[in-house]
């Protein structure tokens, strides 16, 4: 059973009148207002070039907003100092379309890498990595290398790496984009379990079938703006709903 989020709780993510203009003059985002409560599951949808990737880059603090404010976990990202970034990024889990695994490291080493950089004790690392790999169903493949795994298994390793810090927020950018439909569905079931265990999930995706099947919150971005925000939405707006508003 998937736990329904409490939409009355304090937002975990808050975009407040956010604009993003790049040095070449491209205006990627305009007046973005978005609140994501703790425990929510949000699909970020829209055509290529709509502004989804810019929102992801702002969330992980690869970019700063041109105007407006973004708060994540109570921290204002635009004012964050560079020295604070590692601490912030340890509080969120990142999952990408291309996995970003280190090819010369085993599954265990890939998941443990971030903890080793922080100087964590080996006992803590082992416990955290074991828990993460158990969650994604890869406990028996700790000594395998990425090249020995299927695409779906590689994405599970990437998810385990995102979970190893026990983050409250998972940001996923097209996590099923390189997977066949059956494997993509398995990965989505994993994200649902992670969400049900308490993590907030924000996922940018072009996968219409999955969005329509799961009927979670859907935020559609078009032309750099929030075009709609539906609690149990579809990838494309229901024609019936459009007709009722006409």
Protein backbone atom coordinates (compact mmCIF):
# COMPACT_ATOMS: atom_id res chain seq x y z
CA UNK A 1 0.00 0.00 0.00
CA UNK A 2 1.31 3.46 -0.92
CA UNK A 3 1.09 6.07 1.83
CA UNK A 4 -0.81 9.20 0.78
CA UNK A 5 1.14 12.42 1.38
CA UNK A 6 -0.06 15.02 3.88
CA UNK A 7 -0.67 18.10 1.75
CA UNK A 8 -1.13 20.27 4.85
CA UNK A 9 2.48 19.81 5.99
CA UNK A 10 5.31 22.34 5.53
CA UNK A 11 6.69 22.27 1.96
CA UNK A 12 9.88 20.31 1.50
CA UNK A 13 10.44 22.18 -1.79
CA UNK A 14 9.25 25.73 -2.43
CA UNK A 15 9.75 27.68 -5.68
CA UNK A 16 8.72 31.30 -5.06
CA UNK A 17 8.37 33.51 -8.18
CA UNK A 18 11.41 31.86 -9.77
CA UNK A 19 12.86 33.03 -13.07
CA UNK A 20 15.91 31.62 -14.84
CA UNK A 21 17.64 33.49 -17.64
CA UNK A 22 20.92 32.14 -19.05
CA UNK A 23 23.84 34.38 -20.15
CA UNK A 24 22.94 33.85 -23.83
CA UNK A 25 19.55 35.45 -23.18
CA UNK A 26 17.48 32.26 -23.10
CA UNK A 27 14.64 32.60 -20.62
CA UNK A 28 14.19 29.02 -19.40
CA UNK A 29 11.79 29.63 -16.49
CA UNK A 30 9.25 32.38 -15.83
CA UNK A 31 7.42 33.03 -12.58
CA UNK A 32 7.55 29.45 -11.29
CA UNK A 33 5.43 28.90 -8.17
CA UNK A 34 5.54 25.35 -6.81
CA UNK A 35 5.14 23.80 -3.37
CA UNK A 36 6.03 20.15 -2.74
CA UNK A 37 5.07 18.84 0.72
CA UNK A 38 7.06 16.25 2.64
CA UNK A 39 6.08 12.77 1.44
CA UNK A 40 4.74 13.84 -1.96
CA UNK A 41 5.38 12.04 -5.27
CA UNK A 42 5.53 14.48 -8.18
CA UNK A 43 5.92 13.83 -11.89
CA UNK A 44 7.43 16.80 -13.74
CA UNK A 45 6.30 16.55 -17.37
CA UNK A 46 6.44 18.62 -20.53
CA UNK A 47 8.08 18.75 -23.96
CA UNK A 48 11.83 18.97 -24.46
CA UNK A 49 13.00 22.51 -23.85
CA UNK A 50 10.02 23.34 -21.63
CA UNK A 51 12.19 24.05 -18.57
CA UNK A 52 12.17 20.74 -16.65
CA UNK A 53 15.95 20.32 -16.81
CA UNK A 54 16.47 23.89 -15.63
CA UNK A 55 14.26 23.18 -12.61
CA UNK A 56 16.31 20.06 -11.82
CA UNK A 57 19.58 22.00 -12.12
CA UNK A 58 18.23 24.65 -9.76
CA UNK A 59 17.10 21.99 -7.27
CA UNK A 60 20.51 20.34 -7.12
CA UNK A 61 22.13 23.78 -7.06
CA UNK A 62 24.03 23.48 -10.31
CA UNK A 63 22.44 26.83 -11.18
CA UNK A 64 21.06 29.78 -9.23
CA UNK A 65 17.72 31.47 -10.01
CA UNK A 66 17.90 34.80 -11.81
CA UNK A 67 14.97 36.05 -9.73
CA UNK A 68 12.91 34.56 -6.94
CA UNK A 69 13.71 32.12 -4.16
CA UNK A 70 13.99 28.34 -3.86
CA UNK A 71 13.82 26.61 -0.50
CA UNK A 72 14.65 22.92 -0.05
CA UNK A 73 14.65 21.31 3.39
CA UNK A 74 14.36 24.80 4.86
CA UNK A 75 17.50 26.08 3.09
CA UNK A 76 17.44 28.92 0.55
CA UNK A 77 19.47 27.63 -2.37
CA UNK A 78 20.24 30.98 -3.98
CA UNK A 79 22.07 32.16 -0.86
CA UNK A 80 23.93 28.93 -0.26
CA UNK A 81 27.72 29.25 -0.16
CA UNK A 82 29.86 26.92 -2.27
CA UNK A 83 31.30 25.32 0.87
CA UNK A 84 27.76 24.38 1.93
CA UNK A 85 26.98 22.47 -1.28
CA UNK A 86 28.45 19.08 -0.28
CA UNK A 87 26.42 19.14 2.95
CA UNK A 88 23.25 20.05 1.04
CA UNK A 89 23.71 17.42 -1.65
CA UNK A 90 24.17 14.73 0.98
CA UNK A 91 20.61 15.47 2.04
CA UNK A 92 19.13 14.65 -1.36
CA UNK A 93 19.37 11.54 -3.52
CA UNK A 94 20.02 12.02 -7.24
CA UNK A 95 19.13 9.51 -9.97
CA UNK A 96 19.86 10.14 -13.65
CA UNK A 97 18.96 8.55 -16.98
CA UNK A 98 22.54 7.46 -17.75
CA UNK A 99 23.21 5.89 -14.30
CA UNK A 100 26.59 7.64 -13.84
CA UNK A 101 28.25 4.56 -12.31
CA UNK A 102 32.02 4.30 -12.03
CA UNK A 103 32.94 1.44 -14.40
CA UNK A 104 36.07 0.28 -12.54
CA UNK A 105 34.28 -0.01 -9.21
CA UNK A 106 32.11 -2.89 -8.06
CA UNK A 107 28.45 -2.45 -7.15
CA UNK A 108 29.44 -2.21 -3.48
CA UNK A 109 32.19 0.32 -4.17
CA UNK A 110 29.90 2.49 -6.31
CA UNK A 111 27.32 2.73 -3.55
CA UNK A 112 29.96 3.17 -0.81
CA UNK A 113 31.98 5.80 -2.67
CA UNK A 114 30.23 8.90 -1.34
CA UNK A 115 30.44 7.63 2.24
CA UNK A 116 34.15 6.88 1.89
CA UNK A 117 34.77 10.43 0.62
CA UNK A 118 33.16 11.68 3.83
CA UNK A 119 35.48 9.52 5.91
CA UNK A 120 32.73 7.36 7.41
CA UNK A 121 33.77 4.38 9.52
CA UNK A 122 33.87 1.06 7.63
CA UNK A 123 31.19 -0.40 9.88
CA UNK A 124 28.81 2.47 9.09
CA UNK A 125 29.58 2.17 5.38
CA UNK A 126 28.92 -1.57 5.32
CA UNK A 127 25.65 -1.26 7.20
CA UNK A 128 24.41 1.59 4.98
CA UNK A 129 25.45 -0.05 1.71
CA UNK A 130 23.98 -3.42 2.72
CA UNK A 131 20.68 -1.75 3.60
CA UNK A 132 20.56 0.20 0.31
CA UNK A 133 21.37 -2.83 -1.85
CA UNK A 134 18.80 -4.91 0.03
CA UNK A 135 16.19 -2.22 -0.67
CA UNK A 136 16.82 -2.35 -4.43
CA UNK A 137 17.10 -6.14 -4.58
CA UNK A 138 20.81 -6.41 -5.40
CA UNK A 139 22.24 -7.78 -2.17
CA UNK A 140 23.70 -10.75 -4.05
CA UNK A 141 25.52 -8.64 -6.68
CA UNK A 142 27.82 -6.54 -4.52
CA UNK A 143 30.99 -7.79 -6.22
CA UNK A 144 29.75 -7.39 -9.79
CA UNK A 145 30.95 -4.56 -12.04
CA UNK A 146 28.54 -2.28 -13.95
CA UNK A 147 29.42 -3.96 -17.27
CA UNK A 148 28.18 -7.27 -15.85
CA UNK A 149 24.73 -5.90 -15.08
CA UNK A 150 21.65 -5.24 -17.18
CA UNK A 151 20.41 -1.68 -17.67
CA UNK A 152 17.73 -2.17 -15.05
CA UNK A 153 20.26 -3.51 -12.55
CA UNK A 154 22.58 -0.58 -13.20
CA UNK A 155 19.73 1.81 -12.49
CA UNK A 156 19.01 -0.08 -9.25
CA UNK A 157 22.63 0.46 -8.24
CA UNK A 158 22.23 4.16 -8.99
CA UNK A 159 19.11 4.24 -6.82
CA UNK A 160 20.94 2.40 -4.01
CA UNK A 161 23.69 5.03 -4.22
CA UNK A 162 21.04 7.76 -3.95
CA UNK A 163 19.55 6.06 -0.88
CA UNK A 164 22.77 5.39 1.01
CA UNK A 165 22.57 8.73 2.88
CA UNK A 166 18.94 8.01 3.81
CA UNK A 167 17.77 11.27 2.17
CA UNK A 168 14.32 12.80 2.67
CA UNK A 169 14.23 13.89 -0.99
CA UNK A 170 14.90 11.91 -4.18
CA UNK A 171 15.32 13.92 -7.41
CA UNK A 172 15.16 11.70 -10.51
CA UNK A 173 15.79 12.98 -14.05
CA UNK A 174 14.36 10.60 -16.68
CA UNK A 175 15.29 7.49 -14.64
CA UNK A 176 13.51 5.10 -17.04
CA UNK A 177 14.64 6.78 -20.26
CA UNK A 178 17.17 4.06 -21.18
CA UNK A 179 15.03 1.09 -20.10
CA UNK A 180 12.55 -1.20 -21.84
CA UNK A 181 8.89 -0.89 -20.72
CA UNK A 182 8.88 -3.93 -18.40
CA UNK A 183 12.10 -2.88 -16.66
CA UNK A 184 10.90 0.72 -16.44
CA UNK A 185 7.77 -0.46 -14.64
CA UNK A 186 9.88 -2.45 -12.14
CA UNK A 187 12.00 0.63 -11.45
CA UNK A 188 8.85 2.70 -10.90
CA UNK A 189 7.56 0.15 -8.39
CA UNK A 190 10.83 0.62 -6.53
CA UNK A 191 10.37 4.40 -6.46
CA UNK A 192 6.84 3.90 -5.11
CA UNK A 193 8.16 1.74 -2.27
CA UNK A 194 10.81 4.35 -1.47
CA UNK A 195 8.10 7.02 -1.39
CA UNK A 196 5.86 4.85 0.80
CA UNK A 197 8.77 4.47 3.24
CA UNK A 198 8.77 8.25 3.71
CA UNK A 199 10.97 9.85 1.04
CA UNK A 200 9.66 12.66 -1.14
CA UNK A 201 10.13 11.93 -4.86
CA UNK A 202 10.28 14.48 -7.67
CA UNK A 203 10.74 12.89 -11.08
CA UNK A 204 11.12 14.51 -14.50
CA UNK A 205 9.90 12.10 -17.17
CA UNK A 206 8.65 11.71 -20.73
CA UNK A 207 7.13 8.30 -19.99
CA UNK A 208 3.46 8.91 -20.66
CA UNK A 209 2.34 5.32 -19.99
CA UNK A 210 3.79 5.24 -16.48
CA UNK A 211 2.44 8.67 -15.55
CA UNK A 212 -1.05 7.73 -16.78
CA UNK A 213 -1.03 4.39 -14.96
CA UNK A 214 0.14 5.68 -11.58
CA UNK A 215 -2.07 8.78 -11.41
CA UNK A 216 0.17 10.63 -8.98
CA UNK A 217 0.63 14.39 -8.79
CA UNK A 218 1.54 15.81 -12.21
CA UNK A 219 3.12 19.23 -12.72
CA UNK A 220 3.26 20.16 -16.42
CA UNK A 221 5.86 22.69 -17.57
CA UNK A 222 5.33 24.49 -20.86
CA UNK A 223 7.27 27.48 -22.14
CA UNK A 224 9.08 27.83 -18.82
CA UNK A 225 5.89 28.10 -16.78
CA UNK A 226 3.68 25.78 -14.73
CA UNK A 227 0.85 25.02 -17.15
CA UNK A 228 -1.10 22.80 -14.72
CA UNK A 229 -0.75 20.99 -11.42
CA UNK A 230 -3.06 17.99 -10.90
CA UNK A 231 -3.13 15.80 -7.78
CA UNK A 232 -4.05 12.60 -9.64
CA UNK A 233 -3.04 13.67 -13.10
CA UNK A 234 -2.25 12.30 -16.51
CA UNK A 235 0.67 13.10 -18.80
CA UNK A 236 -1.68 15.10 -21.01
CA UNK A 237 -4.67 16.93 -19.59
CA UNK A 238 -7.97 15.06 -19.71
CA UNK A 239 -10.13 16.26 -22.58
CA UNK A 240 -13.19 15.96 -20.38
CA UNK A 241 -11.65 18.25 -17.76
CA UNK A 242 -10.78 20.78 -20.46
CA UNK A 243 -14.33 20.70 -21.77
CA UNK A 244 -15.77 21.36 -18.31
CA UNK A 245 -13.66 24.50 -17.96
CA UNK A 246 -14.52 25.78 -21.44
